[in-house]
């Protein structure tokens, strides 16, 4: 097909790259019609006998997933999907907001991590609870009040805003409440692919299933004290906004004081770890966030920017796309490679040591999270590997010429162009 299109100087691959930003904007039939007009104008309609789909099709979905509908010629091997849109997940809606999750049950490749999207209205409360695994969170909109207590009774209360994050280690009881006029929305990531947001340890659920006589004995009070314990879990509910932050800190820090290492991290106060012409990255792990046992990178790619060819040697990578449009190719060895398109709200997953890249195919910034179930962020770039391997040896593999190899940056680019 590329040979057939050579007369107008635009290959099928180049067409897809140039038009993917338009096609990924929305999954609607008018969009498909606009894409078709663009294809007709450029003489590349994918209507050859070997590409036509005369039977049933889903034009709207194909428009969003062009690299699956018309994969690059370099893709091979029928690799299983490594993405799942949160839009496919069941949404549980309560009076105080909503939540939905993507786990290994939805995305089978995601064995080590799971994710939750949650929305809390102003005053909306994710009730006091805890999990077996650690909870890492990223604020995508609005403001929230978060609280926790550690194993020594030391307290934590803080307000977080869009772009901030937090960590609650496994077993640490905590809560979240939406603030301001419109509450908040955030992403939660857990270091357990089989995690279930709807089966957590909830305060109201526990007390409802404990005899009142035992509760009375435990707190040295009467059974009537617990007459108003709800008959079912509150889960996500709405109440009055909390008291001023300083007032609540003073109350909970009495006697035992605050936790030694804050569970919150304010990324807005952090300088990027790396900035290039193609974008920037902020790496947050135990080196700069001592409380965290989950590492992450917050990546921003400008239009046309590339998260360079690389892999992570120490753990699987769980991704969340915050905004923009991009594509990722994952090479799974044995001749297996697949390219998939990503949009805001999508989850991606890459096995440990599997090489990949992410490219911004839209006309606005692409922002995504790389999250790892380990305290330390690690990666190895293709460029850095080749630059520190004897050039004659590399040239004997690739035939690029040693002059080219000598120009490769000795330090990883992370994001290109540099």
Protein backbone atom coordinates (compact mmCIF):
# COMPACT_ATOMS: atom_id res chain seq x y z
CA UNK A 1 0.00 0.00 0.00
CA UNK A 2 2.82 2.43 0.72
CA UNK A 3 4.14 1.96 -2.82
CA UNK A 4 0.71 2.77 -4.24
CA UNK A 5 0.68 6.05 -2.31
CA UNK A 6 4.22 7.10 -3.18
CA UNK A 7 3.09 9.39 -6.02
CA UNK A 8 1.63 11.97 -3.66
CA UNK A 9 4.58 11.72 -1.31
CA UNK A 10 2.47 10.60 1.62
CA UNK A 11 2.75 7.04 2.91
CA UNK A 12 -0.01 5.36 4.86
CA UNK A 13 2.09 5.57 8.01
CA UNK A 14 2.73 9.28 7.57
CA UNK A 15 -0.93 9.90 6.93
CA UNK A 16 -1.89 8.15 10.15
CA UNK A 17 0.67 10.15 12.10
CA UNK A 18 -0.50 13.48 10.75
CA UNK A 19 -4.21 12.79 11.13
CA UNK A 20 -4.22 10.89 14.45
CA UNK A 21 -4.66 14.07 16.48
CA UNK A 22 -7.89 14.84 14.60
CA UNK A 23 -9.11 11.25 14.72
CA UNK A 24 -8.50 10.88 18.45
CA UNK A 25 -10.37 14.05 19.41
CA UNK A 26 -13.75 12.32 19.84
CA UNK A 27 -15.41 9.04 18.92
CA UNK A 28 -18.27 10.28 16.78
CA UNK A 29 -19.53 9.73 13.28
CA UNK A 30 -19.02 13.38 12.27
CA UNK A 31 -15.38 12.91 13.24
CA UNK A 32 -15.14 9.83 11.06
CA UNK A 33 -16.61 11.79 8.15
CA UNK A 34 -14.03 14.54 8.67
CA UNK A 35 -11.26 11.97 8.80
CA UNK A 36 -12.54 10.42 5.56
CA UNK A 37 -12.49 13.82 3.86
CA UNK A 38 -8.91 14.33 5.03
CA UNK A 39 -7.97 10.87 3.72
CA UNK A 40 -9.60 11.57 0.35
CA UNK A 41 -7.72 14.86 0.08
CA UNK A 42 -4.41 13.10 0.66
CA UNK A 43 -5.19 10.17 -1.59
CA UNK A 44 -5.09 7.53 1.16
CA UNK A 45 -8.52 6.11 1.99
CA UNK A 46 -7.59 2.56 3.08
CA UNK A 47 -10.16 1.22 0.62
CA UNK A 48 -7.90 -1.27 -1.11
CA UNK A 49 -9.21 -4.83 -1.37
CA UNK A 50 -6.83 -5.88 1.39
CA UNK A 51 -8.04 -3.13 3.76
CA UNK A 52 -11.78 -2.79 3.10
CA UNK A 53 -14.18 -4.07 5.75
CA UNK A 54 -17.41 -4.89 3.87
CA UNK A 55 -18.99 -6.56 6.91
CA UNK A 56 -19.96 -5.03 10.27
CA UNK A 57 -17.58 -2.44 11.66
CA UNK A 58 -17.33 0.17 14.40
CA UNK A 59 -16.22 3.31 12.61
CA UNK A 60 -16.29 5.45 15.75
CA UNK A 61 -14.03 3.08 17.67
CA UNK A 62 -11.71 2.58 14.70
CA UNK A 63 -11.32 6.36 14.49
CA UNK A 64 -10.07 6.37 18.07
CA UNK A 65 -7.84 3.32 17.64
CA UNK A 66 -6.20 3.88 14.25
CA UNK A 67 -3.03 1.98 15.16
CA UNK A 68 -5.14 -1.11 15.80
CA UNK A 69 -7.38 -0.64 12.75
CA UNK A 70 -4.35 0.04 10.49
CA UNK A 71 -1.26 -1.11 12.43
CA UNK A 72 2.25 -0.05 11.48
CA UNK A 73 4.07 -2.50 9.23
CA UNK A 74 6.52 -3.10 12.10
CA UNK A 75 3.80 -4.60 14.32
CA UNK A 76 3.81 -8.38 14.46
CA UNK A 77 2.77 -11.41 16.46
CA UNK A 78 -0.75 -10.77 17.72
CA UNK A 79 0.34 -9.38 21.10
CA UNK A 80 -2.62 -9.11 23.56
CA UNK A 81 -3.93 -5.61 24.41
CA UNK A 82 -2.01 -3.63 27.00
CA UNK A 83 -4.56 -0.85 27.50
CA UNK A 84 -8.00 -0.45 29.04
CA UNK A 85 -10.10 2.74 29.05
CA UNK A 86 -11.64 3.75 32.37
CA UNK A 87 -14.75 4.56 30.31
CA UNK A 88 -15.32 0.79 29.99
CA UNK A 89 -15.31 0.34 33.78
CA UNK A 90 -18.52 0.14 35.80
CA UNK A 91 -19.15 3.41 37.68
CA UNK A 92 -20.60 3.20 41.19
CA UNK A 93 -22.47 6.44 41.91
CA UNK A 94 -23.24 7.52 45.48
CA UNK A 95 -24.59 10.75 47.01
CA UNK A 96 -21.08 12.04 47.64
CA UNK A 97 -19.57 11.18 44.27
CA UNK A 98 -18.61 8.14 42.19
CA UNK A 99 -15.83 5.64 41.62
CA UNK A 100 -14.72 3.04 39.06
CA UNK A 101 -11.76 0.70 38.82
CA UNK A 102 -9.47 -1.13 36.38
CA UNK A 103 -7.90 -4.31 37.78
CA UNK A 104 -6.39 -7.55 36.50
CA UNK A 105 -9.97 -8.75 36.06
CA UNK A 106 -10.42 -6.10 33.35
CA UNK A 107 -6.88 -5.98 31.96
CA UNK A 108 -5.33 -9.45 32.39
CA UNK A 109 -1.77 -8.25 31.76
CA UNK A 110 -2.02 -5.93 34.79
CA UNK A 111 -0.95 -8.49 37.38
CA UNK A 112 0.91 -6.25 39.83
CA UNK A 113 -1.11 -3.02 39.87
CA UNK A 114 -4.69 -1.77 39.73
CA UNK A 115 -6.22 1.68 39.49
CA UNK A 116 -9.28 3.62 40.64
CA UNK A 117 -10.79 6.89 39.45
CA UNK A 118 -12.85 8.73 42.04
CA UNK A 119 -14.92 11.90 42.13
CA UNK A 120 -15.99 13.56 45.40
CA UNK A 121 -18.45 16.47 45.42
CA UNK A 122 -17.89 19.43 47.74
CA UNK A 123 -18.13 17.85 51.20
CA UNK A 124 -18.13 14.35 49.69
CA UNK A 125 -16.28 11.85 51.89
CA UNK A 126 -14.58 8.57 51.01
CA UNK A 127 -15.23 7.11 54.41
CA UNK A 128 -12.55 6.16 56.93
CA UNK A 129 -11.01 2.91 55.67
CA UNK A 130 -7.79 1.07 54.88
CA UNK A 131 -6.38 -1.45 52.40
CA UNK A 132 -3.98 -4.37 52.54
CA UNK A 133 -1.87 -2.81 49.76
CA UNK A 134 -0.44 0.69 49.38
CA UNK A 135 -2.48 3.52 47.85
CA UNK A 136 -0.71 6.05 45.61
CA UNK A 137 -2.83 8.96 44.41
CA UNK A 138 -2.67 11.81 41.90
CA UNK A 139 -5.09 14.75 41.97
CA UNK A 140 -6.54 15.41 38.51
CA UNK A 141 -9.00 18.19 39.46
CA UNK A 142 -10.07 20.29 42.44
CA UNK A 143 -9.01 20.10 46.09
CA UNK A 144 -9.32 17.56 48.89
CA UNK A 145 -8.63 17.12 52.61
CA UNK A 146 -6.80 13.88 53.39
CA UNK A 147 -6.24 12.32 56.83
CA UNK A 148 -4.39 9.30 58.21
CA UNK A 149 -2.96 7.77 61.41
CA UNK A 150 0.16 5.59 61.52
CA UNK A 151 1.06 2.56 63.67
CA UNK A 152 2.27 4.78 66.54
CA UNK A 153 -0.83 6.94 66.67
CA UNK A 154 0.83 9.85 64.90
CA UNK A 155 -1.60 11.84 62.80
CA UNK A 156 -1.64 13.35 59.33
CA UNK A 157 -3.99 16.00 57.92
CA UNK A 158 -3.33 17.94 54.73
CA UNK A 159 -5.04 19.70 51.84
CA UNK A 160 -4.03 18.70 48.30
CA UNK A 161 -4.81 20.30 44.95
CA UNK A 162 -4.66 19.44 41.24
CA UNK A 163 -1.28 17.95 40.39
CA UNK A 164 -0.43 16.97 43.97
CA UNK A 165 -0.11 13.36 45.08
CA UNK A 166 -0.12 11.23 48.22
CA UNK A 167 0.78 7.76 49.47
CA UNK A 168 -0.92 5.70 52.17
CA UNK A 169 1.10 2.55 52.92
CA UNK A 170 -0.78 -0.71 53.32
CA UNK A 171 -2.75 -0.97 56.55
CA UNK A 172 -2.72 2.79 57.27
CA UNK A 173 -6.30 4.05 57.96
CA UNK A 174 -7.22 7.18 56.04
CA UNK A 175 -9.98 9.32 54.52
CA UNK A 176 -10.51 11.77 51.65
CA UNK A 177 -13.00 14.66 51.46
CA UNK A 178 -13.78 17.00 48.56
CA UNK A 179 -13.25 20.71 49.22
CA UNK A 180 -14.14 23.99 47.53
CA UNK A 181 -17.18 24.71 45.41
CA UNK A 182 -16.89 21.60 43.20
CA UNK A 183 -14.97 18.99 45.18
CA UNK A 184 -12.31 16.98 43.39
CA UNK A 185 -11.36 14.07 41.15
CA UNK A 186 -8.27 11.87 41.50
CA UNK A 187 -6.55 8.69 40.44
CA UNK A 188 -5.64 5.95 42.91
CA UNK A 189 -3.03 3.29 42.06
CA UNK A 190 -2.53 0.13 44.14
CA UNK A 191 0.40 -2.30 44.22
CA UNK A 192 -1.91 -5.30 43.76
CA UNK A 193 -3.45 -6.17 40.40
CA UNK A 194 -6.27 -8.06 42.13
CA UNK A 195 -7.26 -5.08 44.30
CA UNK A 196 -11.01 -4.41 44.71
CA UNK A 197 -12.15 -0.91 45.67
CA UNK A 198 -15.54 -2.27 46.66
CA UNK A 199 -14.11 -4.65 49.27
CA UNK A 200 -12.01 -2.44 51.54
CA UNK A 201 -11.96 -2.29 55.34
CA UNK A 202 -14.59 0.37 56.15
CA UNK A 203 -15.20 1.89 59.60
CA UNK A 204 -19.00 1.75 59.42
CA UNK A 205 -19.06 -1.76 57.96
CA UNK A 206 -16.78 -3.06 60.72
CA UNK A 207 -18.71 -1.47 63.56
CA UNK A 208 -22.05 -2.62 62.16
CA UNK A 209 -20.73 -6.19 62.24
CA UNK A 210 -19.43 -5.94 65.81
CA UNK A 211 -21.85 -6.56 68.74
CA UNK A 212 -22.76 -3.35 70.55
CA UNK A 213 -21.90 -5.04 73.83
CA UNK A 214 -18.33 -5.53 72.58
CA UNK A 215 -18.12 -1.94 71.37
CA UNK A 216 -19.37 -0.71 74.75
CA UNK A 217 -16.80 -2.81 76.58
CA UNK A 218 -13.99 -1.69 74.24
CA UNK A 219 -14.68 2.03 74.77
CA UNK A 220 -15.91 1.83 78.40
CA UNK A 221 -19.30 3.30 77.55
CA UNK A 222 -22.92 2.21 77.11
CA UNK A 223 -24.39 0.35 74.17
CA UNK A 224 -26.67 3.31 73.45
CA UNK A 225 -23.60 5.27 72.35
CA UNK A 226 -23.60 3.21 69.15
CA UNK A 227 -27.32 3.31 68.43
CA UNK A 228 -26.80 5.44 65.31
CA UNK A 229 -24.10 3.37 63.65
CA UNK A 230 -25.31 2.95 60.03
CA UNK A 231 -26.87 -0.37 59.07
CA UNK A 232 -24.76 -0.45 55.89
CA UNK A 233 -21.48 1.03 54.71
CA UNK A 234 -21.43 4.73 53.91
CA UNK A 235 -18.65 4.28 51.32
CA UNK A 236 -18.95 7.70 49.60
CA UNK A 237 -21.30 10.20 51.25
CA UNK A 238 -21.74 13.95 51.66
CA UNK A 239 -21.50 16.02 54.82
CA UNK A 240 -20.45 19.52 55.88
CA UNK A 241 -17.03 20.77 54.88
CA UNK A 242 -14.25 20.16 57.44
CA UNK A 243 -13.03 22.77 59.90
CA UNK A 244 -10.04 24.98 58.96
CA UNK A 245 -6.88 22.97 58.32
CA UNK A 246 -4.87 24.59 61.13
CA UNK A 247 -7.63 23.81 63.63
CA UNK A 248 -7.83 20.16 62.63
CA UNK A 249 -4.04 19.77 62.69
CA UNK A 250 -3.90 21.17 66.21
CA UNK A 251 -6.58 18.72 67.35
CA UNK A 252 -5.13 15.53 65.87
CA UNK A 253 -1.47 16.29 66.61
CA UNK A 254 -2.16 16.51 70.37
CA UNK A 255 0.08 14.20 72.44
CA UNK A 256 1.55 12.02 69.67
CA UNK A 257 2.31 14.69 67.05
CA UNK A 258 2.41 14.34 63.24
CA UNK A 259 3.82 11.49 61.14
CA UNK A 260 7.60 11.91 60.66
CA UNK A 261 7.37 11.85 56.86
CA UNK A 262 4.42 13.53 55.18
CA UNK A 263 2.09 11.30 53.17
CA UNK A 264 1.52 14.21 50.73
CA UNK A 265 3.83 15.44 47.98
CA UNK A 266 3.33 18.81 46.30
CA UNK A 267 4.60 18.37 42.75
CA UNK A 268 3.97 22.03 41.91
CA UNK A 269 6.87 22.94 44.19
CA UNK A 270 9.20 20.46 42.48
CA UNK A 271 11.53 21.41 39.65
CA UNK A 272 11.37 18.97 36.69
CA UNK A 273 13.93 16.18 36.80
CA UNK A 274 14.59 16.67 33.09
CA UNK A 275 13.51 19.34 30.57
CA UNK A 276 14.08 19.14 26.82
CA UNK A 277 12.62 20.75 23.72
CA UNK A 278 10.21 17.81 23.53
CA UNK A 279 8.80 18.09 27.06
CA UNK A 280 9.62 17.39 30.69
CA UNK A 281 9.51 14.71 33.37
CA UNK A 282 9.23 14.76 37.15
CA UNK A 283 10.40 11.60 38.93
CA UNK A 284 8.97 10.99 42.39
CA UNK A 285 10.29 8.05 44.39
CA UNK A 286 11.73 7.36 47.83
CA UNK A 287 14.70 9.64 47.14
CA UNK A 288 12.52 12.77 47.28
CA UNK A 289 9.32 11.33 48.83
CA UNK A 290 10.54 9.24 51.82
CA UNK A 291 7.10 7.94 52.80
CA UNK A 292 6.47 6.33 49.41
CA UNK A 293 7.04 2.70 48.48
CA UNK A 294 5.68 3.35 44.97
CA UNK A 295 7.77 5.16 42.35
CA UNK A 296 6.36 7.35 39.60
CA UNK A 297 7.22 9.67 36.73
CA UNK A 298 4.94 12.51 35.62
CA UNK A 299 5.68 12.95 31.92
CA UNK A 300 4.69 15.86 29.67
CA UNK A 301 5.28 15.50 25.94
CA UNK A 302 4.85 18.46 23.63
CA UNK A 303 3.22 17.84 20.22
CA UNK A 304 5.54 15.54 18.30
CA UNK A 305 7.55 14.76 21.45
CA UNK A 306 8.78 11.24 22.13
CA UNK A 307 9.39 9.39 25.39
CA UNK A 308 12.49 7.73 24.05
CA UNK A 309 12.94 4.00 23.40
CA UNK A 310 13.63 2.46 26.82
CA UNK A 311 12.70 -0.20 29.35
CA UNK A 312 12.46 -0.58 33.14
CA UNK A 313 14.62 -3.37 34.60
CA UNK A 314 13.23 -3.50 38.12
CA UNK A 315 9.41 -3.60 37.85
CA UNK A 316 6.27 -3.58 35.70
CA UNK A 317 4.94 -0.18 34.60
CA UNK A 318 1.32 0.91 35.12
CA UNK A 319 0.31 4.00 33.16
CA UNK A 320 -2.48 6.54 33.39
CA UNK A 321 -3.10 9.12 30.66
CA UNK A 322 -4.14 12.47 32.14
CA UNK A 323 -4.65 14.47 28.96
CA UNK A 324 -3.79 14.52 25.28
CA UNK A 325 -3.40 11.84 22.61
CA UNK A 326 -0.53 9.48 21.97
CA UNK A 327 0.53 6.06 20.85
CA UNK A 328 2.81 3.42 22.33
CA UNK A 329 4.60 0.47 20.78
CA UNK A 330 5.67 -2.39 23.07
CA UNK A 331 8.18 -5.00 21.88
CA UNK A 332 7.64 -8.30 23.67
CA UNK A 333 10.58 -10.28 22.19
CA UNK A 334 10.25 -13.28 19.90
CA UNK A 335 9.17 -11.03 17.04
CA UNK A 336 6.12 -9.73 18.94
CA UNK A 337 5.38 -5.99 18.79
CA UNK A 338 2.16 -4.00 18.93
CA UNK A 339 1.17 -0.36 18.70
CA UNK A 340 -1.90 1.04 20.49
CA UNK A 341 -3.40 4.53 20.77
CA UNK A 342 -3.97 6.25 24.11
CA UNK A 343 -6.29 9.03 25.21
CA UNK A 344 -7.14 10.79 28.48
CA UNK A 345 -8.54 8.30 30.98
CA UNK A 346 -6.79 5.24 29.48
CA UNK A 347 -4.68 2.77 31.46
CA UNK A 348 -1.57 1.19 29.96
CA UNK A 349 0.59 -1.66 31.26
CA UNK A 350 4.09 -2.87 30.30
CA UNK A 351 5.80 -5.95 31.70
CA UNK A 352 9.16 -5.55 33.42
CA UNK A 353 12.04 -5.09 30.95
CA UNK A 354 9.75 -4.90 27.87
CA UNK A 355 11.08 -2.07 25.63
CA UNK A 356 8.65 0.62 24.50
CA UNK A 357 8.19 4.26 23.56
CA UNK A 358 5.36 6.80 23.84
CA UNK A 359 4.79 9.46 21.18
CA UNK A 360 2.54 12.52 21.29
CA UNK A 361 0.39 12.28 18.15
CA UNK A 362 -1.89 15.19 19.02
CA UNK A 363 -1.66 18.96 18.73
CA UNK A 364 -1.72 19.61 22.51
CA UNK A 365 0.50 18.42 25.37
CA UNK A 366 0.32 14.73 26.26
CA UNK A 367 0.52 14.17 30.03
CA UNK A 368 0.73 10.68 31.49
CA UNK A 369 1.90 8.89 34.63
CA UNK A 370 4.38 6.03 34.82
CA UNK A 371 3.80 4.17 38.12
CA UNK A 372 5.82 1.27 39.54
CA UNK A 373 5.24 -1.05 42.56
CA UNK A 374 8.72 -0.34 43.91
CA UNK A 375 10.31 2.50 45.93
CA UNK A 376 12.97 3.22 43.30
CA UNK A 377 12.51 4.48 39.75
CA UNK A 378 14.84 2.85 37.20
CA UNK A 379 15.05 2.88 33.42
CA UNK A 380 17.54 2.06 30.66
CA UNK A 381 17.42 3.93 27.36
CA UNK A 382 18.32 2.49 23.98
CA UNK A 383 20.47 5.53 23.22
CA UNK A 384 22.43 5.30 26.47
CA UNK A 385 23.01 1.57 25.95
CA UNK A 386 24.39 2.07 22.45
CA UNK A 387 26.46 5.11 23.43
CA UNK A 388 28.30 3.13 26.11
CA UNK A 389 28.91 0.02 24.00
CA UNK A 390 31.99 -0.14 21.73
CA UNK A 391 30.99 1.54 18.49
CA UNK A 392 32.58 -1.08 16.26
CA UNK A 393 30.53 -3.80 17.96
CA UNK A 394 27.30 -1.81 17.59
CA UNK A 395 28.02 -0.99 13.95
CA UNK A 396 28.58 -4.67 13.22
CA UNK A 397 25.00 -5.20 14.41
CA UNK A 398 23.24 -2.21 12.84
CA UNK A 399 25.38 -0.96 9.98
CA UNK A 400 24.67 2.68 10.81
CA UNK A 401 28.29 3.78 10.63
CA UNK A 402 30.46 4.61 13.62
CA UNK A 403 30.23 8.35 12.96
CA UNK A 404 26.51 8.26 13.73
CA UNK A 405 27.07 6.15 16.83
CA UNK A 406 29.69 8.58 18.11
CA UNK A 407 27.11 11.38 18.09
CA UNK A 408 24.62 9.60 20.37
CA UNK A 409 24.34 11.40 23.69
CA UNK A 410 26.19 9.65 26.50
CA UNK A 411 23.35 10.53 28.88
CA UNK A 412 19.79 9.33 28.25
CA UNK A 413 17.54 11.87 26.56
CA UNK A 414 14.35 10.67 28.34
CA UNK A 415 12.32 12.94 26.04
CA UNK A 416 13.16 13.91 22.48
CA UNK A 417 13.81 16.15 20.70
CA UNK A 418 16.46 17.38 23.10
